[in-house]
Amino acid sequence: MQSRPTIALISVHSDPATETGSQNVYVRQLGEALSRLGWQVDMFTRKTDASQSDMVQHNPNCRTIRLSAGVEQFVPRQKLIGYLPEFLKQLRQFQLANNIQYSLIHTNYWLSAWVGMELKKIQPLKHVHTFHSLSAVRYAKIDHLSHIAKIRLAIEKACLERADLTIATCPQQREYLRKLVSTKGNIEIVPCGTDTHIFGSVASITAKGKLDIESGVFNLLYAGRFARPQGIETLVRAVHKLYLSGIPNIHLTLVSSSHRHVSNQLERKRIKKLIEDLGIKNITTFAERISREELAMYYAAADVCVVPSYYNPSGMVALEAMASGTPVVASNVDGLKYVVEHEQTGLLFPPKNTTVLTETIHRLIADPKLRWKLGVSARERVEDLFTWDGVANQLSDFYQELIEAHNLELLKQNLELELLNRSLKNSIGGKTNEVVS
């Protein structure tokens, strides 16, 4: 294995050592995959509890470093901007204390983008950024923006224009960046990956037995955050229609990947009340705070996984389900239509369209052969295009190109200084003070 430089992945608000959300998973899995290629990877995040360790060593080449950056407690991400200068200060202190100079940093989300841009002002390094979600899309239909929303929009535009490379996770995200944010800046497409060792490791019959899902029950799965843009209401209303139509033994499982944000808690309460009002509480199960291994069990136990998002640049849940061999029904948006091939590895439907979603699920209930075909093809597509090792290899090539270009720039600058020194010495008979760079 080739030894490579030390790099930093920065994820201020999502802790890679606690894989409970899509960004956490992205950073952790990418960091570990890069370390298997020989990179020394330091992953920086913010400490959210005094009981948390300052450092988590994932393997000899990859670790998570938690910086206090203010109070050692959970702070909603919309309020974290005031802690960013302290985060930057502590990151630099860590570098000095450990005599580490990073050749390249890869920041994630707009909060980390600010840290990356500031760090680049004072250190000779290359800056790569992944947005994960874009405020330009989120706020596109909002007339009156809050102060923090305006700050986020400005930081995202500055980062796209100043970073050495921006990573879009799907072609649609690149289009959004160009159309809604800026025509400047370098963009490359590198998709998200998934763990094909965890997802797909459990047989469906085994998973259903462990989760007490009876034989003959058709189990629909939603996995992800509880937030309105996730489209959970569309799914719930579709299940209600199927239930009223007399579909026997249908069941809905809702797995929440996050519980700390107030907005997620409010949406969960709203969805729970909707389920009660529609009279389908008896066929619905809620699950939360589960491990990655437990999540793999839920995917395996599902007959269909539904991803009804209105905006989804990563497609990560769809990828996890596909790796599990579970048929996916997803909204025809962004990263979902990139990772799911309609009629080949899953089925797509127009976002917010309860009627079409109901018909699509009914089609799969009635056609077990189609479910089997989609599940097998989905697993093959993931193995070919969306493993974390494959993603890491693509990014590693970009990292290497940036670092080599940077080294050539430094070499050129040193040569120019040396030639200047020689010229000055010769011009005054060799009696000159050395030029200090």
Protein backbone atom coordinates (compact mmCIF):
# COMPACT_ATOMS: atom_id res chain seq x y z
CA MET A 1 0.00 0.00 0.00
CA GLN A 2 1.37 3.37 -1.08
CA SER A 3 2.06 5.85 1.72
CA ARG A 4 0.32 9.17 1.07
CA PRO A 5 0.21 12.57 2.81
CA THR A 6 -1.90 13.49 5.82
CA ILE A 7 -5.24 15.07 4.97
CA ALA A 8 -8.15 16.39 7.02
CA LEU A 9 -11.87 15.80 6.59
CA ILE A 10 -13.87 18.49 8.38
CA SER A 11 -17.46 17.96 9.50
CA VAL A 12 -18.30 20.52 12.17
CA HIS A 13 -21.82 19.46 13.08
CA SER A 14 -21.88 15.76 12.11
CA ASP A 15 -19.68 13.44 14.15
CA PRO A 16 -18.13 10.67 11.99
CA ALA A 17 -17.64 8.52 15.08
CA THR A 18 -21.42 8.33 15.59
CA GLU A 19 -22.91 7.10 12.32
CA THR A 20 -26.52 8.24 12.73
CA GLY A 21 -27.05 10.46 9.68
CA SER A 22 -26.12 10.61 6.02
CA GLN A 23 -23.29 13.14 6.44
CA ASN A 24 -21.84 11.28 9.42
CA VAL A 25 -21.85 8.08 7.37
CA TYR A 26 -20.36 9.82 4.32
CA VAL A 27 -17.41 11.28 6.22
CA ARG A 28 -16.71 8.17 8.32
CA GLN A 29 -16.92 5.69 5.45
CA LEU A 30 -14.94 7.92 3.11
CA GLY A 31 -12.25 8.50 5.74
CA GLU A 32 -11.81 4.80 6.41
CA ALA A 33 -11.80 3.93 2.70
CA LEU A 34 -9.16 6.62 2.01
CA SER A 35 -7.05 5.26 4.86
CA ARG A 36 -7.10 1.84 3.20
CA LEU A 37 -5.48 3.52 0.19
CA GLY A 38 -2.61 4.80 2.34
CA TRP A 39 -3.83 8.29 3.23
CA GLN A 40 -3.40 9.46 6.81
CA VAL A 41 -6.86 10.81 7.62
CA ASP A 42 -7.80 13.15 10.48
CA MET A 43 -11.55 13.79 10.74
CA PHE A 44 -12.49 16.91 12.72
CA THR A 45 -15.85 17.46 14.35
CA ARG A 46 -17.33 19.32 17.30
CA LYS A 47 -17.66 17.74 20.75
CA THR A 48 -21.33 17.68 21.80
CA ASP A 49 -21.06 16.03 25.22
CA ALA A 50 -18.46 16.36 27.99
CA SER A 51 -18.42 12.56 28.36
CA GLN A 52 -17.23 12.06 24.77
CA SER A 53 -13.60 11.17 24.21
CA ASP A 54 -11.42 13.77 22.51
CA MET A 55 -10.24 11.25 19.94
CA VAL A 56 -11.55 8.03 18.40
CA GLN A 57 -9.02 5.86 16.56
CA HIS A 58 -10.88 3.94 13.84
CA ASN A 59 -7.77 2.26 12.44
CA PRO A 60 -4.01 3.06 12.42
CA ASN A 61 -4.48 5.59 9.59
CA CYS A 62 -7.86 7.12 10.43
CA ARG A 63 -9.16 8.93 13.50
CA THR A 64 -11.91 11.32 14.60
CA ILE A 65 -10.78 14.38 16.58
CA ARG A 66 -13.41 16.20 18.61
CA LEU A 67 -12.85 19.89 19.33
CA SER A 68 -14.74 21.59 22.15
CA ALA A 69 -15.47 24.82 20.27
CA GLY A 70 -17.54 26.39 23.01
CA VAL A 71 -19.92 24.56 25.31
CA GLU A 72 -19.53 20.79 25.27
CA GLN A 73 -23.15 20.08 24.50
CA PHE A 74 -25.43 19.70 21.52
CA VAL A 75 -26.11 22.94 19.66
CA PRO A 76 -28.55 23.04 16.70
CA ARG A 77 -26.63 23.53 13.48
CA GLN A 78 -28.44 26.77 12.64
CA LYS A 79 -26.87 28.23 15.80
CA LEU A 80 -23.35 26.89 15.27
CA ILE A 81 -21.98 29.71 13.16
CA GLY A 82 -20.93 31.66 16.27
CA TYR A 83 -18.71 28.75 17.33
CA LEU A 84 -16.82 28.46 14.04
CA PRO A 85 -13.94 30.87 14.90
CA GLU A 86 -13.23 28.89 18.08
CA PHE A 87 -13.41 25.63 16.09
CA LEU A 88 -10.82 27.00 13.65
CA LYS A 89 -8.62 28.19 16.50
CA GLN A 90 -8.63 24.78 18.19
CA LEU A 91 -7.96 22.98 14.90
CA ARG A 92 -4.85 25.13 14.41
CA GLN A 93 -3.79 24.49 18.01
CA PHE A 94 -4.08 20.75 17.39
CA GLN A 95 -1.86 21.11 14.33
CA LEU A 96 0.78 23.04 16.26
CA ALA A 97 0.74 20.67 19.22
CA ASN A 98 1.16 17.65 16.94
CA ASN A 99 3.39 19.28 14.31
CA ILE A 100 0.96 18.45 11.49
CA GLN A 101 0.60 20.30 8.20
CA TYR A 102 -2.27 19.13 6.02
CA SER A 103 -1.66 18.98 2.28
CA LEU A 104 -5.38 18.97 1.61
CA ILE A 105 -8.63 19.47 3.49
CA HIS A 106 -12.04 18.15 2.46
CA THR A 107 -14.87 20.08 4.10
CA ASN A 108 -18.50 19.00 4.36
CA TYR A 109 -21.61 21.21 4.56
CA TRP A 110 -21.58 25.01 4.60
CA LEU A 111 -20.45 25.38 8.24
CA SER A 112 -17.27 23.44 7.52
CA ALA A 113 -16.85 25.36 4.26
CA TRP A 114 -16.25 28.55 6.25
CA VAL A 115 -13.58 26.78 8.33
CA GLY A 116 -11.91 25.49 5.19
CA MET A 117 -11.82 28.86 3.45
CA GLU A 118 -10.37 30.56 6.53
CA LEU A 119 -7.75 27.85 7.00
CA LYS A 120 -6.66 28.13 3.38
CA LYS A 121 -6.00 31.86 3.86
CA ILE A 122 -3.23 31.10 6.35
CA GLN A 123 -1.89 27.70 5.28
CA PRO A 124 -0.53 26.33 1.99
CA LEU A 125 -3.10 23.62 1.27
CA LYS A 126 -5.72 22.53 -1.24
CA HIS A 127 -9.42 22.79 -0.41
CA VAL A 128 -12.07 20.28 -1.57
CA HIS A 129 -15.71 20.68 -0.57
CA THR A 130 -18.92 18.61 -0.63
CA PHE A 131 -22.12 20.58 0.00
CA HIS A 132 -24.45 17.64 0.83
CA SER A 133 -27.44 20.01 0.61
CA LEU A 134 -27.85 23.43 -0.97
CA SER A 135 -29.58 26.43 0.55
CA ALA A 136 -30.22 27.76 -2.96
CA VAL A 137 -32.56 24.81 -3.49
CA ARG A 138 -34.00 24.86 0.00
CA TYR A 139 -34.80 28.58 -0.07
CA ALA A 140 -35.73 28.85 -3.75
CA LYS A 141 -39.44 29.45 -3.06
CA ILE A 142 -39.05 31.53 0.10
CA ASP A 143 -39.52 35.28 -0.35
CA HIS A 144 -38.23 36.57 2.99
CA LEU A 145 -35.04 34.92 4.20
CA SER A 146 -33.71 34.92 7.74
CA HIS A 147 -30.32 36.43 8.57
CA ILE A 148 -28.71 32.98 8.95
CA ALA A 149 -30.17 31.88 5.60
CA LYS A 150 -28.54 34.86 3.88
CA ILE A 151 -25.21 34.06 5.54
CA ARG A 152 -25.43 30.46 4.40
CA LEU A 153 -26.17 31.47 0.81
CA ALA A 154 -23.15 33.81 0.81
CA ILE A 155 -20.80 31.19 2.27
CA GLU A 156 -21.92 28.53 -0.22
CA LYS A 157 -21.35 30.89 -3.15
CA ALA A 158 -17.92 31.92 -1.86
CA CYS A 159 -16.91 28.31 -1.28
CA LEU A 160 -17.93 27.19 -4.77
CA GLU A 161 -15.89 30.01 -6.29
CA ARG A 162 -12.83 29.71 -4.02
CA ALA A 163 -12.41 26.00 -3.29
CA ASP A 164 -9.93 24.17 -5.48
CA LEU A 165 -12.56 21.52 -6.18
CA THR A 166 -16.24 21.05 -5.39
CA ILE A 167 -17.67 17.53 -5.33
CA ALA A 168 -21.24 17.12 -6.58
CA THR A 169 -22.80 13.81 -5.62
CA CYS A 170 -24.98 13.64 -8.74
CA PRO A 171 -25.35 15.46 -12.09
CA GLN A 172 -28.47 17.23 -10.84
CA GLN A 173 -26.54 18.80 -7.96
CA ARG A 174 -23.94 20.10 -10.40
CA GLU A 175 -26.75 21.67 -12.43
CA TYR A 176 -28.14 23.34 -9.28
CA LEU A 177 -24.69 24.66 -8.38
CA ARG A 178 -24.23 26.20 -11.82
CA LYS A 179 -27.78 27.51 -12.21
CA LEU A 180 -28.54 28.70 -8.68
CA VAL A 181 -25.18 29.43 -7.02
CA SER A 182 -22.37 30.46 -9.41
CA THR A 183 -20.88 29.82 -12.84
CA LYS A 184 -17.41 29.99 -11.30
CA GLY A 185 -15.44 27.22 -9.60
CA ASN A 186 -14.37 23.68 -10.47
CA ILE A 187 -16.94 20.89 -10.07
CA GLU A 188 -16.54 17.12 -10.45
CA ILE A 189 -19.17 14.43 -9.89
CA VAL A 190 -18.34 11.69 -7.41
CA PRO A 191 -21.36 9.81 -6.00
CA CYS A 192 -21.98 8.67 -2.47
CA GLY A 193 -21.17 5.07 -1.64
CA THR A 194 -22.55 2.38 0.60
CA ASP A 195 -21.19 -0.42 2.73
CA THR A 196 -21.77 -3.63 0.77
CA HIS A 197 -20.40 -5.69 3.66
CA ILE A 198 -23.03 -4.58 6.18
CA PHE A 199 -25.94 -4.06 3.79
CA GLY A 200 -26.75 -7.34 2.12
CA SER A 201 -25.21 -9.47 4.86
CA VAL A 202 -28.55 -10.66 6.29
CA ALA A 203 -31.09 -12.94 4.60
CA SER A 204 -34.64 -11.60 4.38
CA ILE A 205 -36.20 -14.55 6.17
CA THR A 206 -33.68 -14.23 9.02
CA ALA A 207 -34.30 -10.50 9.37
CA LYS A 208 -38.08 -10.88 9.39
CA GLY A 209 -37.79 -13.54 12.08
CA LYS A 210 -35.63 -11.35 14.32
CA LEU A 211 -37.96 -8.36 13.88
CA ASP A 212 -41.07 -10.51 14.49
CA ILE A 213 -42.56 -9.81 11.07
CA GLU A 214 -44.97 -12.62 10.35
CA SER A 215 -44.88 -14.68 7.18
CA GLY A 216 -47.14 -13.23 4.50
CA VAL A 217 -46.91 -9.65 5.77
CA PHE A 218 -45.88 -7.13 3.09
CA ASN A 219 -43.47 -4.80 4.90
CA LEU A 220 -42.88 -1.28 3.57
CA LEU A 221 -39.86 0.58 4.95
CA TYR A 222 -38.98 4.25 5.31
CA ALA A 223 -35.54 5.08 6.75
CA GLY A 224 -34.17 8.57 7.34
CA ARG A 225 -34.82 11.89 9.03
CA PHE A 226 -38.25 13.08 10.03
CA ALA A 227 -38.52 16.34 8.09
CA ARG A 228 -41.19 17.63 5.72
CA PRO A 229 -38.92 17.61 2.63
CA GLN A 230 -38.45 13.87 3.18
CA GLY A 231 -42.01 13.31 1.97
CA ILE A 232 -43.08 10.89 4.70
CA GLU A 233 -46.65 12.17 4.56
CA THR A 234 -46.88 11.11 0.91
CA LEU A 235 -45.92 7.57 1.89
CA VAL A 236 -48.30 7.45 4.87
CA ARG A 237 -51.24 8.55 2.72
CA ALA A 238 -50.33 5.96 0.07
CA VAL A 239 -50.31 3.22 2.71
CA HIS A 240 -53.69 4.45 3.92
CA LYS A 241 -55.08 4.15 0.38
CA LEU A 242 -53.71 0.62 0.05
CA TYR A 243 -55.21 -0.29 3.42
CA LEU A 244 -58.64 1.05 2.46
CA SER A 245 -58.50 -0.80 -0.87
CA GLY A 246 -58.37 -4.07 1.01
CA ILE A 247 -54.72 -5.02 0.49
CA PRO A 248 -54.22 -7.71 3.14
CA ASN A 249 -51.31 -7.90 5.59
CA ILE A 250 -49.61 -4.62 4.68
CA HIS A 251 -47.28 -3.08 7.26
CA LEU A 252 -45.34 0.22 7.44
CA THR A 253 -42.04 0.54 9.30
CA LEU A 254 -40.65 4.02 9.91
CA VAL A 255 -37.00 4.12 11.01
CA SER A 256 -35.71 7.50 12.20
CA SER A 257 -32.01 8.24 11.74
CA SER A 258 -32.03 11.38 13.89
CA HIS A 259 -33.84 12.42 17.06
CA ARG A 260 -31.95 15.38 18.51
CA HIS A 261 -33.19 18.17 16.28
CA VAL A 262 -36.39 19.89 17.41
CA SER A 263 -37.69 20.01 13.83
CA ASN A 264 -37.31 16.22 13.54
CA GLN A 265 -39.20 15.69 16.80
CA LEU A 266 -42.03 17.98 15.67
CA GLU A 267 -42.34 16.24 12.31
CA ARG A 268 -42.35 12.84 14.00
CA LYS A 269 -45.23 13.97 16.23
CA ARG A 270 -47.09 15.32 13.21
CA ILE A 271 -46.65 12.08 11.25
CA LYS A 272 -47.64 10.01 14.29
CA LYS A 273 -50.86 12.02 14.66
CA LEU A 274 -51.58 11.68 10.93
CA ILE A 275 -51.19 7.90 11.21
CA GLU A 276 -53.59 7.84 14.16
CA ASP A 277 -56.10 10.06 12.36
CA LEU A 278 -56.01 7.84 9.26
CA GLY A 279 -56.58 4.73 11.37
CA ILE A 280 -53.41 2.87 10.40
CA LYS A 281 -51.64 2.94 13.77
CA ASN A 282 -52.18 -0.81 14.12
CA ILE A 283 -50.16 -1.52 10.96
CA THR A 284 -47.32 0.96 11.66
CA THR A 285 -44.10 0.51 13.63
CA PHE A 286 -41.68 3.26 14.67
CA ALA A 287 -38.00 2.53 15.33
CA GLU A 288 -35.16 4.90 16.24
CA ARG A 289 -31.66 5.12 17.69
CA ILE A 290 -30.56 1.94 15.97
CA SER A 291 -27.06 0.89 14.95
CA ARG A 292 -25.86 0.40 11.39
CA GLU A 293 -26.03 -3.36 11.88
CA GLU A 294 -29.63 -3.08 13.10
CA LEU A 295 -30.47 -0.84 10.15
CA ALA A 296 -29.18 -3.56 7.81
CA MET A 297 -31.68 -5.90 9.49
CA TYR A 298 -34.56 -3.52 8.75
CA TYR A 299 -33.56 -3.20 5.09
CA ALA A 300 -33.35 -6.97 4.74
CA ALA A 301 -36.77 -7.41 6.37
CA ALA A 302 -38.42 -4.95 3.97
CA ASP A 303 -40.26 -6.09 0.87
CA VAL A 304 -39.96 -2.57 -0.53
CA CYS A 305 -38.06 0.52 0.64
CA VAL A 306 -39.74 3.83 -0.21
CA VAL A 307 -37.70 7.05 -0.47
CA PRO A 308 -40.32 9.80 -1.05
CA SER A 309 -38.02 12.86 -0.70
CA TYR A 310 -38.70 16.17 -2.44
CA TYR A 311 -34.94 16.91 -2.58
CA ASN A 312 -32.24 14.27 -2.16
CA PRO A 313 -28.75 14.92 -3.57
CA SER A 314 -27.08 11.82 -2.10
CA GLY A 315 -29.49 8.93 -2.62
CA MET A 316 -27.80 7.23 0.34
CA VAL A 317 -30.88 5.47 1.75
CA ALA A 318 -31.71 4.14 -1.70
CA LEU A 319 -28.15 2.86 -2.04
CA GLU A 320 -28.31 1.08 1.32
CA ALA A 321 -31.58 -0.60 0.37
CA MET A 322 -30.23 -1.53 -3.07
CA ALA A 323 -27.11 -3.04 -1.49
CA SER A 324 -29.46 -5.11 0.68
CA GLY A 325 -31.19 -6.46 -2.42
CA THR A 326 -34.42 -4.68 -1.43
CA PRO A 327 -36.52 -3.12 -4.24
CA VAL A 328 -36.62 0.68 -4.07
CA VAL A 329 -39.47 3.03 -4.92
CA ALA A 330 -38.13 6.59 -4.96
CA SER A 331 -39.05 10.12 -5.96
CA ASN A 332 -37.83 11.08 -9.40
CA VAL A 333 -35.48 13.78 -8.09
CA ASP A 334 -31.77 14.61 -7.84
CA GLY A 335 -29.53 11.84 -6.55
CA LEU A 336 -32.39 9.35 -6.44
CA LYS A 337 -32.89 9.34 -10.21
CA TYR A 338 -29.10 9.08 -10.55
CA VAL A 339 -28.67 5.97 -8.41
CA VAL A 340 -32.00 4.26 -9.24
CA GLU A 341 -32.50 3.15 -12.85
CA HIS A 342 -36.25 3.21 -13.47
CA GLU A 343 -37.64 -0.25 -14.26
CA GLN A 344 -34.13 -1.73 -13.98
CA THR A 345 -32.98 -1.37 -10.36
CA GLY A 346 -36.08 0.27 -8.88
CA LEU A 347 -39.14 2.34 -9.69
CA LEU A 348 -39.45 6.14 -9.71
CA PHE A 349 -42.53 8.27 -9.14
CA PRO A 350 -43.26 12.03 -9.24
CA PRO A 351 -42.57 13.63 -5.83
CA LYS A 352 -45.63 14.41 -3.67
CA ASN A 353 -47.84 12.27 -5.94
CA THR A 354 -49.70 9.95 -3.56
CA THR A 355 -51.79 8.39 -6.34
CA VAL A 356 -48.83 7.26 -8.46
CA LEU A 357 -46.94 6.06 -5.38
CA THR A 358 -49.96 4.00 -4.33
CA GLU A 359 -50.20 2.44 -7.81
CA THR A 360 -46.45 1.73 -7.88
CA ILE A 361 -46.47 -0.04 -4.51
CA HIS A 362 -49.57 -2.00 -5.53
CA ARG A 363 -47.75 -3.14 -8.67
CA LEU A 364 -44.89 -4.52 -6.61
CA ILE A 365 -47.22 -6.22 -4.15
CA ALA A 366 -48.86 -8.04 -7.06
CA ASP A 367 -45.61 -9.00 -8.82
CA PRO A 368 -43.06 -10.86 -6.65
CA LYS A 369 -40.98 -11.73 -9.73
CA LEU A 370 -40.51 -8.03 -10.49
CA ARG A 371 -39.49 -7.40 -6.88
CA TRP A 372 -36.89 -10.17 -7.10
CA LYS A 373 -35.56 -8.86 -10.46
CA LEU A 374 -35.26 -5.29 -9.19
CA GLY A 375 -33.54 -6.40 -5.97
CA VAL A 376 -30.92 -8.51 -7.76
CA SER A 377 -30.19 -5.81 -10.36
CA ALA A 378 -29.98 -3.15 -7.63
CA ARG A 379 -27.32 -5.08 -5.72
CA GLU A 380 -25.29 -5.54 -8.92
CA ARG A 381 -25.47 -1.81 -9.72
CA VAL A 382 -24.23 -0.89 -6.26
CA GLU A 383 -21.33 -3.33 -6.46
CA ASP A 384 -20.34 -1.90 -9.86
CA LEU A 385 -20.67 1.84 -9.14
CA PHE A 386 -21.34 2.76 -5.53
CA THR A 387 -18.95 1.06 -3.10
CA TRP A 388 -17.02 3.29 -0.68
CA ASP A 389 -13.73 1.89 -1.97
CA GLY A 390 -14.73 2.93 -5.49
CA VAL A 391 -15.73 6.40 -4.30
CA ALA A 392 -12.46 6.74 -2.36
CA ASN A 393 -10.43 5.74 -5.42
CA GLN A 394 -12.08 8.48 -7.49
CA LEU A 395 -11.50 11.12 -4.83
CA SER A 396 -7.97 9.89 -4.19
CA ASP A 397 -7.10 10.56 -7.83
CA PHE A 398 -8.45 14.12 -7.56
CA TYR A 399 -6.61 14.68 -4.27
CA GLN A 400 -3.34 13.47 -5.80
CA GLU A 401 -3.72 15.75 -8.82
CA LEU A 402 -4.37 18.78 -6.61
CA ILE A 403 -1.46 18.04 -4.29
CA GLU A 404 0.96 17.41 -7.17
CA ALA A 405 -0.11 20.67 -8.83
CA HIS A 406 0.39 22.46 -5.52
CA ASN A 407 3.86 20.96 -5.11
CA LEU A 408 4.79 22.11 -8.61
CA GLU A 409 3.60 25.62 -7.76
CA LEU A 410 5.81 25.66 -4.65
CA LEU A 411 8.77 24.31 -6.61
CA LYS A 412 8.32 26.99 -9.26
CA GLN A 413 8.17 29.71 -6.59
CA ASN A 414 11.36 28.39 -4.95
CA LEU A 415 13.18 28.29 -8.27
CA GLU A 416 12.11 31.85 -9.08
CA LEU A 417 13.37 33.02 -5.68
CA GLU A 418 16.67 31.23 -6.19
CA LEU A 419 17.13 32.83 -9.60
CA LEU A 420 16.29 36.22 -8.13
CA ASN A 421 18.87 35.75 -5.37
CA ARG A 422 21.55 34.82 -7.88
CA SER A 423 20.69 37.79 -10.07
CA LEU A 424 20.94 40.21 -7.13
CA LYS A 425 24.26 38.74 -6.01
CA ASN A 426 25.72 39.02 -9.47
CA SER A 427 24.47 42.59 -9.93
CA ILE A 428 26.41 43.87 -6.92
CA GLY A 429 29.37 41.65 -7.06
CA GLY A 430 28.02 38.96 -4.81
CA LYS A 431 27.72 41.33 -1.82
CA THR A 432 24.08 41.26 -0.97
CA ASN A 433 21.89 40.00 1.73
CA GLU A 434 19.91 36.87 0.99
CA VAL A 435 16.33 37.49 0.00
CA VAL A 436 14.02 36.09 2.62
CA SER A 437 10.92 34.45 1.26
